[in-house]
Amino acid sequence: MKQLDLENFECNIGLMIREKENHDNYALLRFDDLDKIIEYYNSFKDEFDSKLNGKKMEKSE
């Protein structure tokens, strides 16, 4: 990730996630990482959906 040098300031562009109660606890997600995050989310969602569908089928039987 390139930093934008503004003499006395630096700028990183991305998405910041943080806790609602503790704003000092945060993470900066770089746009370079978005593809990896989406891939991880989709794999988690697919696994969760398959487990959820398995439980629904057990109840219907």
N, C-alpha and C. Protein backbone atom coordinates (compact mmCIF):
# COMPACT_ATOMS: atom_id res chain seq x y z
N MET A 1 0.85 -1.18 0.00
CA MET A 1 0.00 0.00 0.00
C MET A 1 0.89 1.23 0.00
N LYS A 2 0.64 2.12 -0.92
CA LYS A 2 1.42 3.36 -0.99
C LYS A 2 0.83 4.38 -0.03
N GLN A 3 1.72 5.14 0.60
CA GLN A 3 1.28 6.23 1.46
C GLN A 3 1.39 7.54 0.70
N LEU A 4 0.39 8.36 0.86
CA LEU A 4 0.39 9.68 0.25
C LEU A 4 1.15 10.61 1.18
N ASP A 5 2.28 11.15 0.73
CA ASP A 5 3.12 12.02 1.55
C ASP A 5 2.71 13.47 1.33
N LEU A 6 2.21 14.09 2.39
CA LEU A 6 1.77 15.49 2.33
C LEU A 6 2.63 16.36 3.23
N GLU A 7 3.94 16.21 3.14
CA GLU A 7 4.95 16.90 3.94
C GLU A 7 4.80 16.57 5.42
N ASN A 8 3.89 17.20 6.14
CA ASN A 8 3.75 16.97 7.58
C ASN A 8 2.72 15.89 7.92
N PHE A 9 2.04 15.37 6.91
CA PHE A 9 0.98 14.38 7.12
C PHE A 9 1.21 13.19 6.20
N GLU A 10 0.66 12.06 6.60
CA GLU A 10 0.63 10.88 5.75
C GLU A 10 -0.81 10.45 5.60
N CYS A 11 -1.15 9.87 4.47
CA CYS A 11 -2.52 9.45 4.23
C CYS A 11 -2.53 8.00 3.76
N ASN A 12 -3.28 7.15 4.44
CA ASN A 12 -3.56 5.79 3.99
C ASN A 12 -5.04 5.74 3.67
N ILE A 13 -5.37 5.21 2.50
CA ILE A 13 -6.77 5.17 2.08
C ILE A 13 -7.25 3.72 2.15
N GLY A 14 -8.37 3.53 2.82
CA GLY A 14 -8.94 2.20 2.96
C GLY A 14 -10.23 2.29 3.76
N LEU A 15 -10.60 1.18 4.36
CA LEU A 15 -11.80 1.13 5.20
C LEU A 15 -11.36 0.87 6.64
N MET A 16 -11.95 1.58 7.57
CA MET A 16 -11.61 1.39 8.97
C MET A 16 -12.79 0.74 9.66
N ILE A 17 -12.51 -0.33 10.41
CA ILE A 17 -13.54 -0.94 11.25
C ILE A 17 -13.09 -0.75 12.70
N ARG A 18 -14.05 -0.48 13.59
CA ARG A 18 -13.69 -0.28 15.00
C ARG A 18 -14.86 -0.66 15.88
N GLU A 19 -14.54 -0.89 17.14
CA GLU A 19 -15.56 -1.23 18.12
C GLU A 19 -16.41 0.00 18.42
N LYS A 20 -17.69 -0.22 18.69
CA LYS A 20 -18.57 0.90 19.02
C LYS A 20 -18.21 1.51 20.37
N GLU A 21 -17.87 0.68 21.33
CA GLU A 21 -17.61 1.17 22.69
C GLU A 21 -16.18 1.68 22.87
N ASN A 22 -15.22 1.08 22.17
CA ASN A 22 -13.82 1.44 22.33
C ASN A 22 -13.26 1.85 20.98
N HIS A 23 -13.29 3.13 20.69
CA HIS A 23 -12.85 3.63 19.38
C HIS A 23 -11.34 3.52 19.18
N ASP A 24 -10.60 3.24 20.26
CA ASP A 24 -9.16 3.07 20.12
C ASP A 24 -8.81 1.70 19.53
N ASN A 25 -9.76 0.78 19.53
CA ASN A 25 -9.55 -0.56 19.00
C ASN A 25 -10.10 -0.60 17.57
N TYR A 26 -9.21 -0.52 16.58
CA TYR A 26 -9.65 -0.45 15.19
C TYR A 26 -8.67 -1.19 14.28
N ALA A 27 -9.12 -1.43 13.06
CA ALA A 27 -8.26 -2.01 12.03
C ALA A 27 -8.50 -1.25 10.73
N LEU A 28 -7.45 -1.03 9.99
CA LEU A 28 -7.54 -0.38 8.68
C LEU A 28 -7.42 -1.46 7.62
N LEU A 29 -8.46 -1.58 6.79
CA LEU A 29 -8.46 -2.54 5.69
C LEU A 29 -8.06 -1.82 4.42
N ARG A 30 -7.00 -2.30 3.80
CA ARG A 30 -6.54 -1.67 2.57
C ARG A 30 -7.41 -2.15 1.41
N PHE A 31 -7.57 -1.32 0.42
CA PHE A 31 -8.34 -1.70 -0.76
C PHE A 31 -7.68 -2.90 -1.46
N ASP A 32 -6.37 -3.05 -1.31
CA ASP A 32 -5.67 -4.20 -1.90
C ASP A 32 -6.18 -5.51 -1.30
N ASP A 33 -6.66 -5.47 -0.06
CA ASP A 33 -7.09 -6.67 0.65
C ASP A 33 -8.56 -7.01 0.44
N LEU A 34 -9.32 -6.16 -0.23
CA LEU A 34 -10.76 -6.39 -0.35
C LEU A 34 -11.09 -7.70 -1.05
N ASP A 35 -10.34 -8.09 -2.07
CA ASP A 35 -10.60 -9.35 -2.76
C ASP A 35 -10.44 -10.53 -1.80
N LYS A 36 -9.42 -10.49 -0.96
CA LYS A 36 -9.19 -11.56 0.02
C LYS A 36 -10.31 -11.59 1.05
N ILE A 37 -10.75 -10.42 1.49
CA ILE A 37 -11.82 -10.34 2.49
C ILE A 37 -13.12 -10.88 1.91
N ILE A 38 -13.44 -10.53 0.67
CA ILE A 38 -14.67 -11.02 0.02
C ILE A 38 -14.60 -12.53 -0.16
N GLU A 39 -13.45 -13.04 -0.55
CA GLU A 39 -13.29 -14.49 -0.72
C GLU A 39 -13.49 -15.21 0.62
N TYR A 40 -12.91 -14.68 1.69
CA TYR A 40 -13.07 -15.28 3.02
C TYR A 40 -14.54 -15.22 3.45
N TYR A 41 -15.18 -14.09 3.25
CA TYR A 41 -16.60 -13.94 3.62
C TYR A 41 -17.46 -14.96 2.87
N ASN A 42 -17.24 -15.10 1.57
CA ASN A 42 -18.04 -16.03 0.77
C ASN A 42 -17.82 -17.47 1.22
N SER A 43 -16.60 -17.85 1.56
CA SER A 43 -16.35 -19.22 2.02
C SER A 43 -17.03 -19.46 3.37
N PHE A 44 -16.99 -18.48 4.25
CA PHE A 44 -17.66 -18.60 5.54
C PHE A 44 -19.17 -18.69 5.34
N LYS A 45 -19.71 -17.83 4.46
CA LYS A 45 -21.15 -17.82 4.20
C LYS A 45 -21.61 -19.15 3.62
N ASP A 46 -20.84 -19.70 2.67
CA ASP A 46 -21.19 -20.99 2.07
C ASP A 46 -21.19 -22.10 3.12
N GLU A 47 -20.18 -22.11 3.99
CA GLU A 47 -20.12 -23.13 5.04
C GLU A 47 -21.28 -22.98 6.01
N PHE A 48 -21.58 -21.76 6.41
CA PHE A 48 -22.68 -21.50 7.33
C PHE A 48 -24.01 -21.91 6.72
N ASP A 49 -24.23 -21.55 5.45
CA ASP A 49 -25.48 -21.91 4.76
C ASP A 49 -25.65 -23.42 4.66
N SER A 50 -24.55 -24.13 4.35
CA SER A 50 -24.65 -25.58 4.22
C SER A 50 -24.99 -26.22 5.56
N LYS A 51 -24.43 -25.71 6.66
CA LYS A 51 -24.76 -26.25 7.98
C LYS A 51 -26.19 -25.90 8.36
N LEU A 52 -26.61 -24.70 8.03
CA LEU A 52 -27.97 -24.28 8.35
C LEU A 52 -28.98 -25.10 7.55
N ASN A 53 -28.72 -25.35 6.28
CA ASN A 53 -29.60 -26.17 5.45
C ASN A 53 -29.64 -27.61 5.94
N GLY A 54 -28.53 -28.12 6.44
CA GLY A 54 -28.48 -29.47 6.99
C GLY A 54 -29.38 -29.60 8.20
N LYS A 55 -29.41 -28.57 9.06
CA LYS A 55 -30.27 -28.60 10.25
C LYS A 55 -31.73 -28.50 9.86
N LYS A 56 -32.04 -27.71 8.83
CA LYS A 56 -33.44 -27.59 8.39
C LYS A 56 -33.93 -28.90 7.84
N MET A 57 -33.07 -29.63 7.10
CA MET A 57 -33.47 -30.92 6.53
C MET A 57 -33.72 -31.93 7.64
N GLU A 58 -32.89 -31.91 8.71
CA GLU A 58 -33.10 -32.84 9.83
C GLU A 58 -34.43 -32.59 10.50
N LYS A 59 -34.82 -31.34 10.66
CA LYS A 59 -36.09 -31.01 11.30
C LYS A 59 -37.28 -31.42 10.46
N SER A 60 -37.15 -31.34 9.15
CA SER A 60 -38.28 -31.66 8.26
C SER A 60 -38.50 -33.16 8.15
N GLU A 61 -37.50 -33.96 8.47
CA GLU A 61 -37.65 -35.42 8.34
C GLU A 61 -38.38 -36.04 9.49
